[in-house]
């Protein structure tokens, strides 16, 4: 788990170190050394079939990012690699970096080159200060590299990607060389941002690294200067964040693929100064205590399913059963379906007859009639944690009365929308004068704003899932896309509900031992991101076969929850 920073925080931390440099380029050279280490690891891998040469191409912008690229290119030339630099700063370039690059045998080229001359492209164009997209001509060049399988290494953030939000510029329609003018494929839409295979960044993650797939595999290196007692950028960033007193922000990756550069190049040994985004949580131990029974570990109540969608109830309940050793209760019309699959569940048809519960889940497949709206209103008035998903979120969108009840609610609440559901709720709030960023272009800002508006925890679902509460944000990169299957959200709801129930039960025991401790909702909300991680790992495990990865389903994901729970490394982090 790595901290995430805004561009403003990065700039302020960098400026402190820049003021202490013994040499004007000391910090830049430290960063370039890490870039070169990653580039060497990428060059050591298999070459794409379309690459006829072993050369490296630098895309060089006018600022510090271009300087990083030129110094890194100099180090690669010193190692014996042929390096070309395409200067794209409209006559502006970091002069001392350029001089050093040329002194070590680096070449300058004037025109856009054929893609097959290169093995690796290093993006040193914009960095975190860039705004807007690539020109159409440059976009075509970059697309020729990507479509030919030639790797791209981005410095700091891929050019065209907004460093603070992850927003991408619109694509552009271009005419591609190699086709007749009237050929169906002659005109194509290409991206005006760079899709990197690997991004190397420094000191701490930028927000784009947490949410944008354009960053590819993200590696983090700390950079230091000799002045100020050997100050590092990471230490200065920590100081800036503490001084700002802003909500802490973190990113983690649930499933690191074995074919990642970090694993394949064994960078943990050969370049220990480079780090992956990994897991690191404070989570509950899911094993029952010696004095626990079926009631004491936290009972979750699942209110889901309908005559039309009984499967949603089965999936949510199955996930909860696989996630906890404690009792799982079900309330809804799909009693027979649930009990046929899961006889260990205690099932009733209504919330009123459910019995003792430590957390509730409402919504998957539940329906949108007046009965379900009243049911959600009833749960919003209860003191236990409540997770609202799927149809429950649509009910919130449709009812100002329910939204008001949520605003007044004092017990912990978790909303779990995907981006479409989020935008439908946000549209209603915007019409009432509430400022909510767009979930597509600024997922972190959007989730934070909705969490603040309802004083709750918002889980904005996707491959990059944003978990936002009033005092922290945690973005979990699933590390794969196997969760894009029907019913996986129902599984996530049941899984998180089980974790909320256990957390609520454990926290309610604390006053017995610590009578002066005052607990906040965040103590429960910190368990949401670990549950998201277990869900992502379960999906990855469920997609594994003896022959390799293959399509999975929500039912298989639910079945893999126990193995995923064991795989997430609790012992290291408790």
Protein backbone atom coordinates (compact mmCIF):
# COMPACT_ATOMS: atom_id res chain seq x y z
CA UNK A 1 0.00 0.00 0.00
CA UNK A 2 1.51 3.31 -1.10
CA UNK A 3 0.53 6.90 -0.28
CA UNK A 4 -0.93 9.01 -3.09
CA UNK A 5 -0.33 12.74 -3.54
CA UNK A 6 -1.70 15.64 -5.52
CA UNK A 7 0.40 17.50 -8.09
CA UNK A 8 0.51 20.50 -5.75
CA UNK A 9 1.95 18.35 -2.94
CA UNK A 10 4.52 16.85 -5.30
CA UNK A 11 5.58 20.28 -6.51
CA UNK A 12 5.99 21.68 -3.00
CA UNK A 13 8.03 18.69 -1.85
CA UNK A 14 10.23 18.86 -4.96
CA UNK A 15 10.79 22.58 -4.52
CA UNK A 16 12.13 22.05 -1.01
CA UNK A 17 14.68 19.54 -2.32
CA UNK A 18 15.55 21.68 -5.34
CA UNK A 19 16.47 24.49 -2.99
CA UNK A 20 18.95 22.24 -1.19
CA UNK A 21 20.70 20.81 -4.25
CA UNK A 22 24.48 21.00 -4.46
CA UNK A 23 24.17 20.73 -8.27
CA UNK A 24 21.28 22.20 -10.31
CA UNK A 25 20.48 18.77 -11.80
CA UNK A 26 21.12 16.59 -8.74
CA UNK A 27 17.49 15.55 -8.24
CA UNK A 28 16.98 15.06 -11.99
CA UNK A 29 20.01 12.79 -12.24
CA UNK A 30 18.76 10.73 -9.29
CA UNK A 31 15.42 10.26 -11.07
CA UNK A 32 17.09 9.50 -14.41
CA UNK A 33 19.17 6.77 -12.80
CA UNK A 34 15.97 4.99 -11.75
CA UNK A 35 14.52 5.45 -15.25
CA UNK A 36 17.62 3.86 -16.76
CA UNK A 37 17.40 0.90 -14.35
CA UNK A 38 13.83 0.19 -15.44
CA UNK A 39 14.70 0.67 -19.12
CA UNK A 40 17.57 -1.83 -18.83
CA UNK A 41 15.20 -4.37 -17.29
CA UNK A 42 12.73 -3.83 -20.15
CA UNK A 43 15.48 -4.16 -22.76
CA UNK A 44 16.54 -7.44 -21.20
CA UNK A 45 13.22 -9.07 -22.08
CA UNK A 46 12.18 -10.64 -25.39
CA UNK A 47 12.08 -8.29 -28.36
CA UNK A 48 8.84 -7.83 -30.34
CA UNK A 49 8.83 -9.50 -33.74
CA UNK A 50 8.31 -6.14 -35.47
CA UNK A 51 11.46 -4.62 -34.02
CA UNK A 52 14.42 -4.88 -36.40
CA UNK A 53 16.88 -3.01 -34.20
CA UNK A 54 17.88 -2.81 -30.53
CA UNK A 55 17.64 0.99 -30.35
CA UNK A 56 15.89 3.19 -27.80
CA UNK A 57 13.84 6.26 -28.73
CA UNK A 58 13.42 9.18 -26.35
CA UNK A 59 10.37 11.45 -26.77
CA UNK A 60 11.75 14.61 -25.18
CA UNK A 61 9.64 17.49 -23.93
CA UNK A 62 10.78 20.99 -22.94
CA UNK A 63 10.79 20.65 -19.14
CA UNK A 64 12.19 18.53 -16.35
CA UNK A 65 10.53 15.40 -17.72
CA UNK A 66 12.53 15.81 -20.93
CA UNK A 67 15.67 16.33 -18.86
CA UNK A 68 15.00 13.07 -17.01
CA UNK A 69 14.70 11.29 -20.37
CA UNK A 70 17.93 12.76 -21.73
CA UNK A 71 19.97 11.87 -18.65
CA UNK A 72 18.46 8.37 -18.66
CA UNK A 73 19.30 8.09 -22.37
CA UNK A 74 22.87 9.11 -21.61
CA UNK A 75 23.15 6.33 -19.04
CA UNK A 76 21.76 3.82 -21.56
CA UNK A 77 24.21 5.01 -24.22
CA UNK A 78 26.99 4.58 -21.70
CA UNK A 79 25.85 0.95 -21.31
CA UNK A 80 26.30 0.44 -25.06
CA UNK A 81 22.75 0.96 -26.33
CA UNK A 82 22.00 3.04 -29.41
CA UNK A 83 19.74 5.88 -28.28
CA UNK A 84 17.89 8.44 -30.43
CA UNK A 85 16.20 11.54 -29.06
CA UNK A 86 13.28 13.25 -30.77
CA UNK A 87 13.12 16.79 -29.39
CA UNK A 88 9.47 17.88 -29.21
CA UNK A 89 9.64 21.02 -27.10
CA UNK A 90 9.27 23.57 -29.92
CA UNK A 91 12.89 24.58 -29.60
CA UNK A 92 12.98 24.30 -25.80
CA UNK A 93 15.07 21.60 -24.16
CA UNK A 94 16.92 21.10 -20.89
CA UNK A 95 20.34 22.22 -22.12
CA UNK A 96 22.66 20.64 -19.53
CA UNK A 97 20.89 17.27 -19.88
CA UNK A 98 21.15 17.52 -23.68
CA UNK A 99 24.86 18.31 -23.51
CA UNK A 100 25.51 15.34 -21.23
CA UNK A 101 23.42 13.08 -23.46
CA UNK A 102 25.39 14.02 -26.57
CA UNK A 103 28.72 13.74 -24.75
CA UNK A 104 28.02 10.05 -24.10
CA UNK A 105 27.08 9.26 -27.69
CA UNK A 106 23.34 9.94 -27.71
CA UNK A 107 21.89 10.88 -31.11
CA UNK A 108 19.41 13.61 -32.05
CA UNK A 109 16.94 12.91 -34.86
CA UNK A 110 14.91 15.55 -36.67
CA UNK A 111 12.00 13.62 -38.19
CA UNK A 112 9.50 11.06 -36.96
CA UNK A 113 11.22 7.68 -37.41
CA UNK A 114 9.87 4.30 -38.57
CA UNK A 115 8.60 2.34 -35.57
CA UNK A 116 10.50 -0.84 -36.42
CA UNK A 117 13.86 0.76 -35.65
CA UNK A 118 13.21 0.64 -31.92
CA UNK A 119 12.96 -1.82 -29.11
CA UNK A 120 11.86 0.62 -26.42
CA UNK A 121 10.30 4.11 -26.34
CA UNK A 122 10.77 6.37 -23.32
CA UNK A 123 8.07 9.00 -22.83
CA UNK A 124 9.66 12.17 -21.45
CA UNK A 125 7.18 14.64 -22.92
CA UNK A 126 4.82 16.17 -20.37
CA UNK A 127 5.14 14.64 -16.91
CA UNK A 128 2.82 15.86 -14.15
CA UNK A 129 2.71 19.41 -15.50
CA UNK A 130 1.31 18.54 -18.91
CA UNK A 131 -2.16 19.50 -20.04
CA UNK A 132 -3.99 18.37 -23.15
CA UNK A 133 -3.30 15.61 -25.61
CA UNK A 134 -0.70 14.70 -28.21
CA UNK A 135 -0.82 16.28 -31.64
CA UNK A 136 -2.48 14.06 -34.28
CA UNK A 137 0.90 13.46 -35.96
CA UNK A 138 2.55 12.41 -32.71
CA UNK A 139 -0.50 10.32 -31.76
CA UNK A 140 -0.09 8.35 -35.01
CA UNK A 141 3.60 7.74 -34.26
CA UNK A 142 2.84 6.54 -30.73
CA UNK A 143 0.05 4.31 -32.03
CA UNK A 144 2.48 2.69 -34.48
CA UNK A 145 4.69 1.69 -31.55
CA UNK A 146 1.82 0.40 -29.40
CA UNK A 147 0.17 -1.59 -32.17
CA UNK A 148 3.51 -3.19 -33.04
CA UNK A 149 4.11 -4.39 -29.49
CA UNK A 150 7.06 -2.06 -28.87
CA UNK A 151 7.19 -1.25 -25.17
CA UNK A 152 6.71 2.27 -23.85
CA UNK A 153 8.19 3.44 -20.56
CA UNK A 154 6.59 6.63 -19.18
CA UNK A 155 8.43 8.94 -16.82
CA UNK A 156 6.26 10.17 -13.93
CA UNK A 157 2.89 9.92 -15.75
CA UNK A 158 2.10 8.99 -19.36
CA UNK A 159 1.83 12.10 -21.50
CA UNK A 160 -1.75 13.24 -22.01
CA UNK A 161 -2.98 11.66 -18.75
CA UNK A 162 -4.10 14.24 -16.19
CA UNK A 163 -1.88 13.59 -13.19
CA UNK A 164 -4.45 14.71 -10.60
CA UNK A 165 -7.53 12.92 -11.95
CA UNK A 166 -6.48 10.32 -14.51
CA UNK A 167 -8.67 12.05 -17.10
CA UNK A 168 -7.80 11.27 -20.72
CA UNK A 169 -8.01 13.68 -23.66
CA UNK A 170 -10.40 12.77 -26.49
CA UNK A 171 -9.08 10.63 -29.32
CA UNK A 172 -8.63 11.93 -32.85
CA UNK A 173 -9.59 10.55 -36.27
CA UNK A 174 -6.53 10.24 -38.52
CA UNK A 175 -5.62 8.74 -41.87
CA UNK A 176 -3.18 5.90 -41.36
CA UNK A 177 -0.33 5.27 -43.77
CA UNK A 178 -0.23 1.96 -45.60
CA UNK A 179 -3.90 1.95 -46.67
CA UNK A 180 -5.57 3.18 -49.84
CA UNK A 181 -7.51 6.38 -49.18
CA UNK A 182 -10.83 4.61 -49.75
CA UNK A 183 -9.95 1.53 -47.68
CA UNK A 184 -12.33 0.88 -44.72
CA UNK A 185 -9.40 0.93 -42.27
CA UNK A 186 -7.70 4.04 -43.66
CA UNK A 187 -9.41 6.38 -41.20
CA UNK A 188 -8.98 5.34 -37.58
CA UNK A 189 -9.51 6.85 -34.16
CA UNK A 190 -6.31 6.88 -32.14
CA UNK A 191 -5.60 7.93 -28.58
CA UNK A 192 -4.02 11.32 -27.96
CA UNK A 193 -2.43 10.09 -24.75
CA UNK A 194 0.30 7.54 -24.20
CA UNK A 195 -0.66 4.08 -22.99
CA UNK A 196 2.46 3.02 -21.15
CA UNK A 197 3.51 -0.55 -20.52
CA UNK A 198 5.42 0.66 -17.46
CA UNK A 199 5.44 3.98 -15.61
CA UNK A 200 8.29 4.90 -13.28
CA UNK A 201 7.55 7.60 -10.72
CA UNK A 202 9.36 9.10 -7.77
CA UNK A 203 8.87 9.65 -4.05
CA UNK A 204 5.16 8.82 -4.00
CA UNK A 205 2.29 8.01 -6.32
CA UNK A 206 0.33 10.63 -8.22
CA UNK A 207 -3.46 10.24 -8.29
CA UNK A 208 -3.39 9.11 -11.92
CA UNK A 209 -1.31 6.09 -10.92
CA UNK A 210 -4.10 4.96 -8.64
CA UNK A 211 -6.93 5.14 -11.19
CA UNK A 212 -5.64 5.13 -14.78
CA UNK A 213 -4.96 1.94 -16.77
CA UNK A 214 -2.90 4.11 -19.15
CA UNK A 215 -0.09 3.98 -16.58
CA UNK A 216 0.41 0.25 -17.09
CA UNK A 217 2.61 -1.34 -14.45
CA UNK A 218 3.62 1.38 -11.98
CA UNK A 219 7.01 1.28 -10.29
CA UNK A 220 8.07 3.66 -7.54
CA UNK A 221 11.59 4.87 -6.78
CA UNK A 222 12.65 7.25 -4.05
CA UNK A 223 15.06 10.00 -5.07
CA UNK A 224 17.46 11.83 -2.79
CA UNK A 225 19.90 14.71 -2.61
CA UNK A 226 23.02 15.02 -0.49
CA UNK A 227 21.95 18.36 0.98
CA UNK A 228 19.86 18.65 4.13
CA UNK A 229 21.37 15.49 5.54
CA UNK A 230 20.48 13.34 2.54
CA UNK A 231 16.83 14.29 2.19
CA UNK A 232 14.52 12.07 0.17
CA UNK A 233 11.44 13.04 -1.81
CA UNK A 234 9.31 10.47 0.03
CA UNK A 235 10.21 11.95 3.41
CA UNK A 236 9.45 15.47 2.23
CA UNK A 237 6.12 14.33 0.77
CA UNK A 238 5.18 12.79 4.11
CA UNK A 239 6.01 16.11 5.78
CA UNK A 240 3.88 18.03 3.25
CA UNK A 241 0.92 15.71 3.72
CA UNK A 242 1.13 16.00 7.52
CA UNK A 243 1.32 19.78 7.28
CA UNK A 244 -1.70 19.92 4.97
CA UNK A 245 -3.85 17.84 7.34
CA UNK A 246 -5.75 16.55 4.29
CA UNK A 247 -7.43 13.13 4.09
CA UNK A 248 -4.82 10.45 3.63
CA UNK A 249 -4.85 8.73 0.27
CA UNK A 250 -3.49 5.28 -0.57
CA UNK A 251 -3.28 2.88 -3.50
CA UNK A 252 -2.70 -0.85 -3.58
CA UNK A 253 -2.79 -3.69 -6.09
CA UNK A 254 -4.73 -6.82 -5.23
CA UNK A 255 -3.24 -9.21 -7.78
CA UNK A 256 0.26 -8.68 -9.13
CA UNK A 257 0.60 -10.75 -12.27
CA UNK A 258 3.55 -13.16 -12.38
CA UNK A 259 4.52 -11.85 -15.84
CA UNK A 260 4.99 -8.28 -14.56
CA UNK A 261 8.31 -6.60 -15.25
CA UNK A 262 8.96 -6.39 -11.52
CA UNK A 263 8.66 -10.17 -11.14
CA UNK A 264 10.22 -11.24 -14.44
CA UNK A 265 13.24 -8.97 -14.11
CA UNK A 266 13.55 -9.85 -10.40
CA UNK A 267 13.81 -6.15 -9.60
CA UNK A 268 13.25 -6.80 -5.91
CA UNK A 269 16.80 -8.23 -5.87
CA UNK A 270 18.58 -6.43 -8.70
CA UNK A 271 17.06 -2.99 -8.04
CA UNK A 272 15.78 -2.89 -4.45
CA UNK A 273 15.27 0.88 -4.70
CA UNK A 274 12.36 0.17 -7.07
CA UNK A 275 9.04 -0.88 -5.57
CA UNK A 276 5.73 -2.26 -6.77
CA UNK A 277 2.35 -1.13 -5.53
CA UNK A 278 1.46 -4.04 -3.25
CA UNK A 279 -0.90 -4.94 -0.42
CA UNK A 280 -0.54 -3.66 3.11
CA UNK A 281 -3.60 -3.43 5.30
CA UNK A 282 -4.70 -3.30 8.90
CA UNK A 283 -7.43 -5.92 8.82
CA UNK A 284 -9.35 -8.16 11.12
CA UNK A 285 -8.23 -11.73 11.59
CA UNK A 286 -11.12 -13.73 10.16
CA UNK A 287 -10.44 -16.79 12.33
CA UNK A 288 -12.93 -17.09 15.21
CA UNK A 289 -11.53 -16.53 18.68
CA UNK A 290 -11.44 -19.32 21.26
CA UNK A 291 -14.51 -17.83 23.00
CA UNK A 292 -16.50 -17.19 19.82
CA UNK A 293 -19.67 -18.94 18.73
CA UNK A 294 -21.91 -18.63 15.69
CA UNK A 295 -23.33 -15.35 17.02
CA UNK A 296 -20.30 -13.54 18.42
CA UNK A 297 -18.25 -13.14 15.22
CA UNK A 298 -20.63 -10.67 13.62
CA UNK A 299 -23.92 -11.64 11.95
CA UNK A 300 -24.67 -10.12 8.57
CA UNK A 301 -28.20 -9.76 7.26
CA UNK A 302 -28.61 -9.89 3.47
CA UNK A 303 -31.74 -8.24 2.07
CA UNK A 304 -31.60 -9.12 -1.62
CA UNK A 305 -33.27 -10.93 -4.48
CA UNK A 306 -36.79 -10.97 -5.86
CA UNK A 307 -39.07 -13.27 -7.79
CA UNK A 308 -37.42 -11.90 -10.95
CA UNK A 309 -33.82 -12.02 -9.70
CA UNK A 310 -33.42 -14.78 -7.08
CA UNK A 311 -29.86 -15.40 -8.25
CA UNK A 312 -28.67 -12.05 -6.86
CA UNK A 313 -29.73 -13.20 -3.39
CA UNK A 314 -27.95 -16.53 -3.77
CA UNK A 315 -24.70 -14.88 -4.89
CA UNK A 316 -24.66 -12.24 -2.15
CA UNK A 317 -25.50 -14.76 0.56
CA UNK A 318 -22.99 -17.30 -0.73
CA UNK A 319 -20.24 -14.67 -0.62
CA UNK A 320 -21.11 -13.80 2.98
CA UNK A 321 -21.13 -17.46 4.00
CA UNK A 322 -17.73 -18.05 2.36
CA UNK A 323 -16.33 -14.89 4.00
CA UNK A 324 -17.28 -15.55 7.62
CA UNK A 325 -17.61 -18.39 10.10
CA UNK A 326 -20.46 -16.57 11.82
CA UNK A 327 -24.15 -16.83 11.09
CA UNK A 328 -25.51 -15.32 7.90
CA UNK A 329 -29.15 -14.30 7.82
CA UNK A 330 -31.23 -13.78 4.70
CA UNK A 331 -34.42 -11.71 4.36
CA UNK A 332 -36.41 -11.69 1.15
CA UNK A 333 -38.62 -13.69 -1.20
CA UNK A 334 -35.85 -16.01 -2.51
CA UNK A 335 -35.84 -18.12 0.67
CA UNK A 336 -36.19 -21.46 -1.13
CA UNK A 337 -33.47 -20.66 -3.66
CA UNK A 338 -31.06 -19.58 -0.94
CA UNK A 339 -31.69 -22.57 1.35
CA UNK A 340 -31.41 -25.05 -1.50
CA UNK A 341 -27.86 -23.84 -2.18
CA UNK A 342 -26.86 -22.79 1.36
CA UNK A 343 -28.66 -24.77 4.06
CA UNK A 344 -26.49 -23.17 6.79
CA UNK A 345 -28.23 -19.80 6.27
CA UNK A 346 -31.04 -18.67 8.58
CA UNK A 347 -33.65 -17.33 6.17
CA UNK A 348 -36.86 -15.36 6.59
CA UNK A 349 -39.03 -13.30 4.28
CA UNK A 350 -38.85 -9.92 6.00
CA UNK A 351 -36.47 -7.59 7.84
CA UNK A 352 -38.81 -7.55 10.86
CA UNK A 353 -38.46 -11.31 11.40
CA UNK A 354 -34.71 -11.50 10.77
CA UNK A 355 -33.40 -11.41 14.35
CA UNK A 356 -30.09 -10.10 15.68
CA UNK A 357 -27.77 -8.65 13.03
CA UNK A 358 -24.50 -6.68 13.24
CA UNK A 359 -24.54 -5.32 9.65
CA UNK A 360 -26.98 -5.17 6.76
CA UNK A 361 -26.68 -5.47 2.99
CA UNK A 362 -29.55 -4.12 0.91
CA UNK A 363 -30.18 -4.02 -2.80
CA UNK A 364 -28.85 -6.76 -5.10
CA UNK A 365 -31.77 -7.82 -7.30
CA UNK A 366 -34.22 -6.52 -4.69
CA UNK A 367 -36.57 -4.45 -6.90
CA UNK A 368 -37.80 -0.86 -7.06
CA UNK A 369 -41.39 -0.94 -5.80
CA UNK A 370 -42.85 0.94 -2.83
CA UNK A 371 -42.29 -2.12 -0.64
CA UNK A 372 -38.54 -2.09 -1.27
CA UNK A 373 -38.36 1.69 -0.81
CA UNK A 374 -40.05 1.37 2.60
CA UNK A 375 -37.72 -1.49 3.46
CA UNK A 376 -34.63 0.62 2.70
CA UNK A 377 -36.10 3.49 4.72
CA UNK A 378 -36.50 1.10 7.64
CA UNK A 379 -32.88 -0.02 7.40
CA UNK A 380 -31.63 3.58 7.18
CA UNK A 381 -33.17 4.15 10.60
CA UNK A 382 -31.43 1.21 12.23
CA UNK A 383 -28.16 1.58 14.23
CA UNK A 384 -26.14 -1.17 12.52
CA UNK A 385 -23.77 -0.59 9.57
CA UNK A 386 -25.59 -0.71 6.24
CA UNK A 387 -24.26 -1.45 2.77
CA UNK A 388 -26.45 -0.23 -0.11
CA UNK A 389 -25.93 -1.69 -3.58
CA UNK A 390 -27.65 -2.14 -6.96
CA UNK A 391 -31.43 -1.58 -6.65
CA UNK A 392 -30.88 0.08 -3.28
CA UNK A 393 -28.78 2.73 -5.04
CA UNK A 394 -31.47 3.25 -7.66
CA UNK A 395 -34.01 3.76 -4.88
CA UNK A 396 -31.76 6.48 -3.46
CA UNK A 397 -31.61 8.09 -6.89
CA UNK A 398 -35.38 8.02 -7.24
CA UNK A 399 -36.27 9.24 -3.75
CA UNK A 400 -35.30 12.57 -2.23
CA UNK A 401 -36.84 11.30 1.01
CA UNK A 402 -34.42 8.36 1.15
CA UNK A 403 -31.49 10.63 0.33
CA UNK A 404 -32.52 12.90 3.20
CA UNK A 405 -32.73 9.90 5.53
CA UNK A 406 -29.22 8.89 4.45
CA UNK A 407 -27.95 12.41 5.13
CA UNK A 408 -29.42 12.33 8.65
CA UNK A 409 -28.23 8.81 9.39
CA UNK A 410 -25.55 8.56 12.11
CA UNK A 411 -24.64 4.86 11.77
CA UNK A 412 -21.95 3.72 9.29
CA UNK A 413 -23.13 3.42 5.70
CA UNK A 414 -21.32 2.09 2.62
CA UNK A 415 -22.53 2.87 -0.90
CA UNK A 416 -21.18 0.64 -3.69
CA UNK A 417 -22.04 2.17 -7.08
CA UNK A 418 -20.39 1.51 -10.39
CA UNK A 419 -19.81 4.65 -12.43
CA UNK A 420 -23.20 4.56 -14.14
CA UNK A 421 -25.07 4.23 -10.84
CA UNK A 422 -22.88 6.94 -9.34
CA UNK A 423 -23.64 9.39 -12.12
CA UNK A 424 -27.39 8.82 -11.84
CA UNK A 425 -27.30 9.71 -8.13
CA UNK A 426 -24.89 12.59 -8.76
CA UNK A 427 -27.22 13.99 -11.43
CA UNK A 428 -29.99 14.32 -8.84
CA UNK A 429 -27.63 16.01 -6.39
CA UNK A 430 -26.29 18.39 -9.02
CA UNK A 431 -29.85 19.43 -9.82
CA UNK A 432 -30.14 20.38 -6.14
CA UNK A 433 -27.01 22.53 -6.32
CA UNK A 434 -24.48 20.04 -4.94
CA UNK A 435 -21.07 20.05 -6.67
CA UNK A 436 -20.02 16.51 -7.57
CA UNK A 437 -17.15 15.82 -10.04
CA UNK A 438 -17.75 13.40 -12.89
CA UNK A 439 -16.98 9.82 -11.94
CA UNK A 440 -15.55 9.07 -15.38
CA UNK A 441 -13.04 11.91 -15.47
CA UNK A 442 -12.25 12.33 -11.75
CA UNK A 443 -13.16 9.14 -9.87
CA UNK A 444 -11.25 10.06 -6.71
CA UNK A 445 -12.73 13.54 -6.48
CA UNK A 446 -16.20 12.22 -7.29
CA UNK A 447 -16.12 9.52 -4.60
CA UNK A 448 -14.77 12.00 -2.04
CA UNK A 449 -17.54 14.51 -2.81
CA UNK A 450 -20.35 11.95 -2.49
CA UNK A 451 -18.85 10.58 0.74
CA UNK A 452 -18.78 14.10 2.15
CA UNK A 453 -22.33 14.88 1.01
CA UNK A 454 -23.82 11.80 2.72
CA UNK A 455 -21.19 11.49 5.50
CA UNK A 456 -20.64 7.87 4.52
CA UNK A 457 -18.16 5.57 2.79
CA UNK A 458 -18.39 5.44 -1.02
CA UNK A 459 -17.00 2.49 -2.91
CA UNK A 460 -16.81 3.45 -6.60
CA UNK A 461 -16.48 0.12 -8.40
CA UNK A 462 -14.26 -0.72 -11.35
CA UNK A 463 -10.95 -2.34 -12.12
CA UNK A 464 -9.59 0.57 -10.06
CA UNK A 465 -12.00 0.69 -7.12
CA UNK A 466 -12.05 3.93 -5.10
CA UNK A 467 -12.95 3.62 -1.41
CA UNK A 468 -13.56 7.11 0.02
CA UNK A 469 -14.50 8.19 3.55
CA UNK A 470 -14.28 11.60 5.20
CA UNK A 471 -10.68 11.11 6.38
CA UNK A 472 -9.09 8.73 3.85
CA UNK A 473 -9.18 7.43 0.29
CA UNK A 474 -7.92 4.02 -0.74
CA UNK A 475 -7.78 2.93 -4.39
CA UNK A 476 -7.50 -0.80 -5.06
CA UNK A 477 -6.27 -1.89 -8.49
CA UNK A 478 -7.68 -5.37 -9.05
CA UNK A 479 -4.65 -6.16 -11.21
CA UNK A 480 -6.85 -7.94 -13.77
CA UNK A 481 -10.30 -7.66 -15.40
CA UNK A 482 -11.91 -10.99 -14.47
CA UNK A 483 -14.45 -9.16 -12.31
CA UNK A 484 -16.25 -7.95 -15.45
CA UNK A 485 -18.85 -10.72 -15.22
CA UNK A 486 -22.55 -10.64 -14.21
CA UNK A 487 -23.16 -10.99 -10.48
CA UNK A 488 -19.66 -10.14 -9.31
CA UNK A 489 -21.04 -6.98 -7.66
CA UNK A 490 -23.56 -9.10 -5.72
CA UNK A 491 -20.67 -11.22 -4.49
CA UNK A 492 -18.76 -8.11 -3.42
CA UNK A 493 -21.74 -6.84 -1.42
CA UNK A 494 -22.09 -10.04 0.57
CA UNK A 495 -18.35 -10.25 1.18
CA UNK A 496 -18.06 -6.66 2.44
CA UNK A 497 -21.21 -7.09 4.52
CA UNK A 498 -19.62 -10.02 6.36
CA UNK A 499 -16.51 -7.95 7.08
CA UNK A 500 -18.57 -5.01 8.29
CA UNK A 501 -20.50 -7.30 10.64
CA UNK A 502 -17.34 -8.77 12.14
CA UNK A 503 -15.74 -5.35 12.47
CA UNK A 504 -18.85 -3.94 14.16
CA UNK A 505 -19.00 -6.87 16.58
CA UNK A 506 -15.29 -6.58 17.45
CA UNK A 507 -15.43 -2.81 17.91
CA UNK A 508 -18.41 -3.10 20.23
CA UNK A 509 -16.32 -5.31 22.49
CA UNK A 510 -13.50 -2.77 22.83
CA UNK A 511 -15.10 -0.57 25.54
CA UNK A 512 -14.96 -3.57 27.87
CA UNK A 513 -11.16 -3.41 27.68
CA UNK A 514 -10.61 0.27 26.75
CA UNK A 515 -13.39 2.24 28.43
CA UNK A 516 -12.03 5.65 27.35
CA UNK A 517 -11.60 4.87 23.63
CA UNK A 518 -13.94 6.78 21.32
CA UNK A 519 -14.53 4.97 18.04
CA UNK A 520 -15.32 6.64 14.72
CA UNK A 521 -17.01 5.22 11.64
CA UNK A 522 -13.62 5.14 9.93
CA UNK A 523 -12.60 2.25 12.16
CA UNK A 524 -15.21 0.17 10.31
CA UNK A 525 -14.63 1.78 6.92
CA UNK A 526 -10.96 0.73 6.95
CA UNK A 527 -12.16 -2.86 6.51
CA UNK A 528 -13.77 -2.12 3.14
CA UNK A 529 -10.58 -1.94 1.04
CA UNK A 530 -9.24 -5.27 2.38
CA UNK A 531 -12.57 -6.89 1.49
CA UNK A 532 -12.32 -5.39 -2.01
CA UNK A 533 -8.85 -6.92 -2.27
CA UNK A 534 -10.10 -10.36 -1.24
CA UNK A 535 -12.83 -10.06 -3.88
CA UNK A 536 -10.27 -9.20 -6.56
CA UNK A 537 -7.97 -12.05 -5.54
CA UNK A 538 -10.92 -14.45 -5.50
CA UNK A 539 -11.77 -13.47 -9.08
CA UNK A 540 -8.17 -14.02 -10.20
CA UNK A 541 -8.03 -17.40 -8.47
CA UNK A 542 -11.37 -18.46 -9.94
CA UNK A 543 -10.04 -17.74 -13.45
CA UNK A 544 -7.07 -20.08 -13.08
CA UNK A 545 -7.09 -23.49 -14.77
CA UNK A 546 -4.40 -26.11 -15.22
CA UNK A 547 -3.88 -24.71 -18.73
CA UNK A 548 -3.87 -21.03 -17.79
CA UNK A 549 -6.43 -18.28 -17.16
CA UNK A 550 -9.93 -18.74 -18.56
CA UNK A 551 -13.36 -17.06 -18.20
CA UNK A 552 -14.91 -17.21 -14.77
CA UNK A 553 -18.32 -16.47 -13.23
CA UNK A 554 -19.74 -14.87 -10.11
CA UNK A 555 -20.50 -18.25 -8.55
CA UNK A 556 -16.90 -19.34 -8.97
CA UNK A 557 -15.68 -16.04 -7.52
CA UNK A 558 -17.79 -16.62 -4.41
CA UNK A 559 -16.42 -20.14 -4.05
CA UNK A 560 -12.86 -18.80 -4.20
CA UNK A 561 -13.33 -16.36 -1.29
CA UNK A 562 -11.88 -18.69 1.38
CA UNK A 563 -8.72 -19.29 -0.68
CA UNK A 564 -8.43 -15.57 -1.43
CA UNK A 565 -8.85 -14.74 2.25
CA UNK A 566 -5.97 -17.07 3.05
CA UNK A 567 -3.83 -15.71 0.22
CA UNK A 568 -4.05 -12.11 1.36
CA UNK A 569 -1.14 -11.95 3.76
CA UNK A 570 -2.74 -11.27 7.14
CA UNK A 571 0.17 -12.47 9.24
CA UNK A 572 2.53 -9.88 7.80
CA UNK A 573 0.22 -7.00 8.54
CA UNK A 574 -1.42 -7.76 11.88
